Protein backbone atom coordinates (compact mmCIF):
# COMPACT_ATOMS: atom_id res chain seq x y z
CA MET A 1 137.44 179.41 100.66
CA GLU A 2 137.98 176.02 98.55
CA ARG A 3 136.38 173.49 97.51
CA PHE A 4 136.78 169.35 96.72
CA LYS A 5 136.71 168.58 93.44
CA SER A 6 134.21 164.87 92.20
CA THR A 7 136.14 163.04 91.31
CA ASP A 8 133.93 160.02 89.22
CA ILE A 9 130.94 160.18 86.74
CA SER A 10 128.38 159.39 89.30
CA SER A 11 129.47 162.41 91.70
CA PHE A 12 129.39 160.96 94.19
CA VAL A 13 132.88 160.18 95.15
CA TYR A 14 135.70 163.74 95.73
CA SER A 15 139.02 164.17 96.81
CA TYR A 16 141.17 167.55 98.19
CA ASP A 17 144.55 166.76 97.22
CA ARG A 18 147.09 170.07 98.13
CA VAL A 19 149.90 170.69 98.63
CA LEU A 20 150.61 173.46 101.73
CA LYS A 21 153.41 176.04 102.28
CA PRO A 22 154.78 176.39 105.85
CA ASN A 23 152.03 178.06 107.92
CA GLU A 24 149.30 177.82 105.45
CA THR A 25 145.47 178.18 106.65
CA VAL A 26 142.62 176.37 103.90
CA ILE A 27 139.68 176.53 104.60
CA VAL A 28 137.49 173.81 102.42
CA GLN A 29 133.99 173.41 102.08
CA MET A 30 132.20 170.06 102.57
CA PRO A 31 130.77 168.25 99.48
CA ARG A 32 126.67 169.44 99.82
CA PRO A 33 124.58 167.09 99.11
CA SER A 34 121.64 167.08 96.91
CA SER A 35 118.16 164.56 96.58
CA ASN A 36 120.57 161.87 95.11
CA LYS A 37 123.91 162.80 97.50
CA ARG A 38 122.42 161.82 100.20
CA SER A 39 124.55 163.04 103.86
CA VAL A 40 127.91 161.91 103.52
CA ASN A 41 129.11 158.40 103.89
CA ASP A 42 132.24 157.96 104.84
CA ILE A 43 135.66 161.13 105.95
CA GLY A 44 139.08 159.81 104.99
CA TRP A 45 142.90 161.53 105.23
CA MET A 46 146.11 161.51 105.08
CA SER A 47 149.18 163.73 105.29
CA ASN A 48 153.05 163.82 104.82
CA SER A 49 153.32 166.75 107.48
CA GLU A 50 153.74 165.84 111.01
CA GLY A 51 152.89 169.42 111.74
CA LEU A 52 149.30 170.03 109.42
CA THR A 53 147.03 169.89 111.80
CA LEU A 54 142.46 169.56 110.95
CA TYR A 55 140.02 171.05 112.41
CA GLY A 56 136.55 170.83 112.09
CA THR A 57 133.15 173.16 112.21
CA LEU A 58 129.45 173.19 111.82
CA SER A 59 129.34 176.11 111.31
CA LEU A 60 127.48 177.60 107.91
CA HIS A 61 129.92 181.17 108.02
CA PRO A 62 133.45 180.33 108.83
CA SER A 63 136.29 182.37 109.51
CA GLU A 64 140.40 181.53 110.90
CA GLU A 65 139.83 183.67 114.29
CA SER A 66 136.32 181.25 114.83
CA GLU A 67 136.23 179.85 117.85
CA MET A 68 134.18 176.81 116.65
CA TRP A 69 136.59 174.84 114.87
CA GLN A 70 137.17 171.66 117.06
CA GLU A 71 140.40 169.63 115.83
CA ILE A 72 140.90 166.37 114.35
CA SER A 73 143.40 163.93 115.68
CA PRO A 74 145.35 161.38 113.81
CA PHE A 75 142.69 158.27 113.61
CA ASP A 76 139.57 160.64 114.69
CA GLU A 77 136.73 159.81 112.54
CA VAL A 78 135.77 162.59 111.17
CA ASN A 79 131.78 164.09 112.02
CA LYS A 80 130.26 163.11 108.94
CA THR A 81 128.25 165.80 109.76
CA ILE A 82 129.96 169.15 109.03
CA SER A 83 130.10 171.96 107.26
CA TYR A 84 133.87 173.71 106.46
CA LEU A 85 137.62 171.62 107.44
CA LYS A 86 140.79 174.35 108.39
CA ILE A 87 143.61 172.70 107.68
CA THR A 88 146.97 174.14 109.64
CA ASN A 89 149.80 173.24 107.98
CA GLY A 90 153.25 174.12 110.16
CA PRO A 91 156.64 175.00 109.53
CA GLN A 92 157.28 173.00 106.90
CA VAL A 93 155.55 172.48 103.17
CA GLY A 94 153.15 169.28 103.34
CA ARG A 95 150.50 167.76 101.74
CA ILE A 96 147.01 167.00 102.13
CA ILE A 97 144.47 165.10 100.98
CA VAL A 98 141.07 164.06 101.88
CA ARG A 99 138.77 161.99 100.75
CA ALA A 100 134.32 162.17 100.88
CA ILE A 101 131.80 159.62 99.66
CA LEU A 102 127.93 161.32 99.75
CA CYS A 103 125.27 158.27 99.86
């Protein structure tokens, strides 16, 4: 399980940037809201790999094999209540960048 990293002093902006091997799958925990960060305000993502697929789940205990993943297509709005992202790469090396802003 991997995590986002805070990218600013106030800890309201988080990012996940990674190069994935061919056919690699990773699960990334979304940043957790706290008393001064009440909720996820916006989520954006981009990739240079056509074979990369992004999924989201509301589950608190996800696994790769769970059927509780919903695919997030390019240009879809990402559900702001998701707990985890699952990123599945295709047959080539690919890079993914995900950014989350909390408010």
